[in-house]
Amino acid sequence: MDLGKHPSRRILTFLAGLFFLSLGVMFSTKAVLGTSPIQSIPFVLNLGTGYSIGLTTMFVNTFFLVIGVAIMGRLYRLKYLTQIITVVIFSTLCDVFAHLFSGIVIDTYVMQWLSILLSSITLSLGIALELTENVSVMPAEYLVSFVAFRTKMEFGKVKVMFDIINILIAGSLSLMFFGCLQGVREGTIFAACTTGFIVRFYTRHLKRYGFYEFIGNTNTDSGRL
């Protein structure tokens, strides 16, 4: 991990990315129309077990981290363990937002979709900032990178397959817990189809207006290996 010329700016951008990621998760959980594919398993586990969204997020991402270690084996680098810090901060923020907005109930379909839109906007901003700062990322993104590296497949193709697997697992867990789909609905499909486009929009403008240079990141390649 190289923080470059402006480590404080990179770290603040890293924390801002996690802030917007967790805020996006809160908006999607309040909408009850389903959350993003990556967050779908923790959300269904949260609904089915009663454990906090932060705790289930930490559990699932720890599982992703362990799988990543197994895939990379002796090629696993010490710098990848920064994921642990990322997961702890992100999971804590998810619980903080869940507590702060616990009294809010969104019970109309129009408002639920508005919440999904806000979720996509804030979640995508968090991802874009995460790509910009290049300090650390969530275990899911590292895992996709590891699989792409080992299989020699394109990152984008592996990401699509990974999202589909997450949705299928979350849907299966939902059927097991409730006998119907909860936590995996039209909002999940919407997030899967739109998040990439919104992230690219943010990234393009962050590059255009010199944000990468401002935080001292001259490497605009989003690869993590």
Protein backbone atom coordinates (compact mmCIF):
# COMPACT_ATOMS: atom_id res chain seq x y z
CA MET A 1 0.00 0.00 0.00
CA ASP A 2 1.56 3.25 -1.20
CA LEU A 3 -0.15 6.38 0.09
CA GLY A 4 1.85 8.65 -2.20
CA LYS A 5 2.50 12.36 -1.62
CA HIS A 6 -0.73 13.13 0.24
CA PRO A 7 -1.45 10.25 2.65
CA SER A 8 -3.95 12.25 4.71
CA ARG A 9 -6.01 13.05 1.61
CA ARG A 10 -5.94 9.43 0.49
CA ILE A 11 -7.04 8.20 3.94
CA LEU A 12 -9.82 10.79 4.16
CA THR A 13 -11.02 9.73 0.71
CA PHE A 14 -10.91 6.10 1.86
CA LEU A 15 -13.06 6.94 4.90
CA ALA A 16 -15.45 9.03 2.78
CA GLY A 17 -15.85 6.08 0.42
CA LEU A 18 -16.81 3.78 3.29
CA PHE A 19 -19.17 6.46 4.62
CA PHE A 20 -21.09 6.65 1.33
CA LEU A 21 -21.01 2.87 0.88
CA SER A 22 -22.62 2.28 4.26
CA LEU A 23 -25.10 5.15 3.72
CA GLY A 24 -26.10 3.53 0.43
CA VAL A 25 -26.67 0.23 2.23
CA MET A 26 -28.91 2.00 4.76
CA PHE A 27 -31.05 3.56 2.00
CA SER A 28 -31.49 0.19 0.29
CA THR A 29 -32.42 -1.67 3.47
CA LYS A 30 -35.00 0.98 4.30
CA ALA A 31 -36.54 0.59 0.85
CA VAL A 32 -37.16 -3.16 1.48
CA LEU A 33 -37.04 -3.68 -2.31
CA GLY A 34 -33.73 -5.48 -2.12
CA THR A 35 -30.17 -4.25 -1.81
CA SER A 36 -27.10 -4.52 -4.05
CA PRO A 37 -25.89 -8.02 -5.05
CA ILE A 38 -22.79 -7.73 -2.85
CA GLN A 39 -24.86 -6.75 0.19
CA SER A 40 -27.76 -9.13 -0.52
CA ILE A 41 -26.46 -12.06 1.55
CA PRO A 42 -25.71 -9.96 4.69
CA PHE A 43 -29.12 -8.28 4.36
CA VAL A 44 -31.04 -11.56 4.11
CA LEU A 45 -29.05 -12.95 7.06
CA ASN A 46 -29.91 -9.79 8.99
CA LEU A 47 -33.62 -10.28 8.29
CA GLY A 48 -33.57 -14.01 8.95
CA THR A 49 -31.41 -14.21 12.06
CA GLY A 50 -32.06 -10.88 13.79
CA TYR A 51 -28.35 -10.14 14.00
CA SER A 52 -27.38 -6.57 13.10
CA ILE A 53 -26.58 -5.68 9.50
CA GLY A 54 -23.07 -4.76 10.61
CA LEU A 55 -22.48 -8.16 12.20
CA THR A 56 -23.79 -10.12 9.22
CA THR A 57 -21.75 -7.91 6.88
CA MET A 58 -18.62 -8.65 8.90
CA PHE A 59 -19.37 -12.39 8.88
CA VAL A 60 -19.91 -12.62 5.12
CA ASN A 61 -16.90 -10.45 4.27
CA THR A 62 -14.68 -12.46 6.59
CA PHE A 63 -15.80 -15.53 4.66
CA PHE A 64 -14.86 -13.79 1.39
CA LEU A 65 -11.46 -12.92 2.87
CA VAL A 66 -10.78 -16.55 3.84
CA ILE A 67 -11.75 -17.75 0.35
CA GLY A 68 -9.38 -15.17 -1.11
CA VAL A 69 -6.50 -16.48 1.00
CA ALA A 70 -7.26 -20.03 -0.16
CA ILE A 71 -7.35 -18.99 -3.83
CA MET A 72 -4.08 -17.05 -3.77
CA GLY A 73 -2.16 -19.41 -1.48
CA ARG A 74 1.53 -18.50 -1.33
CA LEU A 75 0.89 -15.51 -3.62
CA TYR A 76 -1.22 -13.84 -0.95
CA ARG A 77 0.41 -10.56 0.11
CA LEU A 78 0.44 -8.92 3.50
CA LYS A 79 -1.06 -5.71 2.07
CA TYR A 80 -4.32 -7.56 1.37
CA LEU A 81 -4.94 -7.79 5.12
CA THR A 82 -5.90 -4.11 5.09
CA GLN A 83 -9.30 -5.59 4.18
CA ILE A 84 -9.76 -6.36 7.88
CA ILE A 85 -9.64 -2.66 8.78
CA THR A 86 -11.96 -1.86 5.87
CA VAL A 87 -14.53 -4.46 6.94
CA VAL A 88 -14.50 -3.38 10.59
CA ILE A 89 -15.04 0.30 9.71
CA PHE A 90 -17.69 -0.45 7.07
CA SER A 91 -19.61 -2.88 9.31
CA THR A 92 -19.53 -0.42 12.20
CA LEU A 93 -20.83 2.39 9.98
CA CYS A 94 -23.66 0.13 8.74
CA ASP A 95 -24.78 -0.43 12.33
CA VAL A 96 -24.43 3.27 13.18
CA PHE A 97 -26.65 4.27 10.25
CA ALA A 98 -29.11 1.46 11.04
CA HIS A 99 -29.43 2.85 14.58
CA LEU A 100 -29.69 6.50 13.49
CA PHE A 101 -32.46 5.75 10.97
CA SER A 102 -34.19 2.98 12.92
CA GLY A 103 -37.32 5.06 13.42
CA ILE A 104 -37.87 5.69 9.71
CA VAL A 105 -40.41 3.49 7.94
CA ILE A 106 -40.88 3.81 4.18
CA ASP A 107 -44.23 2.22 3.36
CA THR A 108 -45.19 3.56 -0.07
CA TYR A 109 -43.87 2.03 -3.29
CA VAL A 110 -42.93 5.40 -4.78
CA MET A 111 -40.91 6.39 -1.73
CA GLN A 112 -39.31 2.95 -1.65
CA TRP A 113 -38.08 3.47 -5.20
CA LEU A 114 -36.82 6.93 -4.28
CA SER A 115 -34.82 5.29 -1.50
CA ILE A 116 -33.43 2.77 -4.01
CA LEU A 117 -32.35 5.63 -6.28
CA LEU A 118 -30.65 7.40 -3.37
CA SER A 119 -28.98 4.11 -2.49
CA SER A 120 -27.59 3.67 -6.01
CA ILE A 121 -26.30 7.27 -6.10
CA THR A 122 -24.56 7.12 -2.71
CA LEU A 123 -23.34 3.52 -3.04
CA SER A 124 -21.82 4.23 -6.45
CA LEU A 125 -20.11 7.35 -5.10
CA GLY A 126 -18.59 5.23 -2.33
CA ILE A 127 -17.30 2.71 -4.87
CA ALA A 128 -15.88 5.47 -7.08
CA LEU A 129 -14.03 7.02 -4.14
CA GLU A 130 -12.79 3.57 -3.14
CA LEU A 131 -11.32 3.12 -6.62
CA THR A 132 -9.85 6.63 -6.52
CA GLU A 133 -7.98 6.42 -3.22
CA ASN A 134 -6.46 2.98 -3.95
CA VAL A 135 -5.77 2.39 -0.24
CA SER A 136 -7.90 -0.66 0.44
CA VAL A 137 -11.12 -2.23 -0.77
CA MET A 138 -13.75 -4.64 0.50
CA PRO A 139 -12.94 -8.39 0.44
CA ALA A 140 -15.54 -9.01 -2.29
CA GLU A 141 -13.61 -6.86 -4.78
CA TYR A 142 -10.32 -8.47 -3.83
CA LEU A 143 -11.94 -11.90 -4.23
CA VAL A 144 -13.12 -11.05 -7.75
CA SER A 145 -9.61 -9.82 -8.58
CA PHE A 146 -8.08 -13.04 -7.24
CA VAL A 147 -10.43 -15.24 -9.27
CA ALA A 148 -9.77 -13.18 -12.40
CA PHE A 149 -6.03 -13.48 -11.81
CA ARG A 150 -6.14 -17.26 -11.29
CA THR A 151 -8.53 -18.03 -14.14
CA LYS A 152 -7.12 -15.40 -16.56
CA MET A 153 -10.67 -14.15 -17.14
CA GLU A 154 -11.63 -10.50 -17.49
CA PHE A 155 -12.42 -8.75 -14.21
CA GLY A 156 -15.80 -7.56 -15.53
CA LYS A 157 -16.94 -11.06 -16.47
CA VAL A 158 -15.92 -12.48 -13.10
CA LYS A 159 -17.72 -9.59 -11.36
CA VAL A 160 -20.97 -10.36 -13.20
CA MET A 161 -20.75 -14.06 -12.29
CA PHE A 162 -19.92 -13.18 -8.69
CA ASP A 163 -22.96 -10.88 -8.46
CA ILE A 164 -25.21 -13.60 -9.88
CA ILE A 165 -23.88 -16.13 -7.36
CA ASN A 166 -24.53 -13.67 -4.52
CA ILE A 167 -28.10 -13.11 -5.69
CA LEU A 168 -28.75 -16.86 -6.01
CA ILE A 169 -27.36 -17.57 -2.53
CA ALA A 170 -29.31 -14.69 -1.00
CA GLY A 171 -32.49 -15.85 -2.76
CA SER A 172 -31.99 -19.40 -1.49
CA LEU A 173 -31.44 -18.16 2.07
CA SER A 174 -34.56 -16.02 1.79
CA LEU A 175 -36.65 -19.01 0.69
CA MET A 176 -35.20 -21.04 3.55
CA PHE A 177 -35.95 -18.38 6.17
CA PHE A 178 -39.28 -17.03 4.92
CA GLY A 179 -40.59 -19.32 2.18
CA CYS A 180 -40.57 -16.32 -0.19
CA LEU A 181 -38.18 -13.70 -1.51
CA GLN A 182 -37.30 -11.01 1.01
CA GLY A 183 -34.23 -8.82 0.69
CA VAL A 184 -33.78 -9.89 -2.95
CA ARG A 185 -36.28 -8.09 -5.13
CA GLU A 186 -36.53 -5.62 -7.99
CA GLY A 187 -34.20 -3.21 -6.19
CA THR A 188 -31.44 -5.84 -6.33
CA ILE A 189 -31.82 -6.21 -10.09
CA PHE A 190 -31.90 -2.43 -10.49
CA ALA A 191 -28.66 -2.07 -8.49
CA ALA A 192 -26.98 -4.83 -10.51
CA CYS A 193 -27.89 -3.14 -13.80
CA THR A 194 -27.15 0.49 -12.92
CA THR A 195 -24.34 0.65 -10.35
CA GLY A 196 -21.55 0.09 -12.88
CA PHE A 197 -22.80 2.92 -15.10
CA ILE A 198 -23.10 5.35 -12.20
CA VAL A 199 -19.63 4.43 -10.90
CA ARG A 200 -18.15 5.09 -14.34
CA PHE A 201 -19.93 8.47 -14.43
CA TYR A 202 -18.41 9.46 -11.08
CA THR A 203 -14.96 8.12 -11.98
CA ARG A 204 -14.90 9.95 -15.32
CA HIS A 205 -15.70 13.26 -13.63
CA LEU A 206 -13.29 12.70 -10.74
CA LYS A 207 -10.54 12.21 -13.31
CA ARG A 208 -11.68 15.16 -15.43
CA TYR A 209 -11.60 17.59 -12.52
CA GLY A 210 -8.23 16.42 -11.20
CA PHE A 211 -9.33 14.62 -8.05
CA TYR A 212 -6.81 11.82 -8.58
CA GLU A 213 -3.96 14.32 -8.75
CA PHE A 214 -5.37 16.23 -5.76
CA ILE A 215 -5.07 13.18 -3.50
CA GLY A 216 -1.71 12.20 -4.98
CA ASN A 217 -2.80 9.07 -6.85
CA THR A 218 -1.12 9.04 -10.24
CA ASN A 219 -2.16 5.43 -10.91
CA THR A 220 -5.64 5.53 -12.42
CA ASP A 221 -5.69 1.78 -12.99
CA SER A 222 -8.31 0.25 -10.66
CA GLY A 223 -6.52 -3.11 -10.56
CA ARG A 224 -5.73 -4.29 -7.08
CA LEU A 225 -3.10 -7.01 -7.51
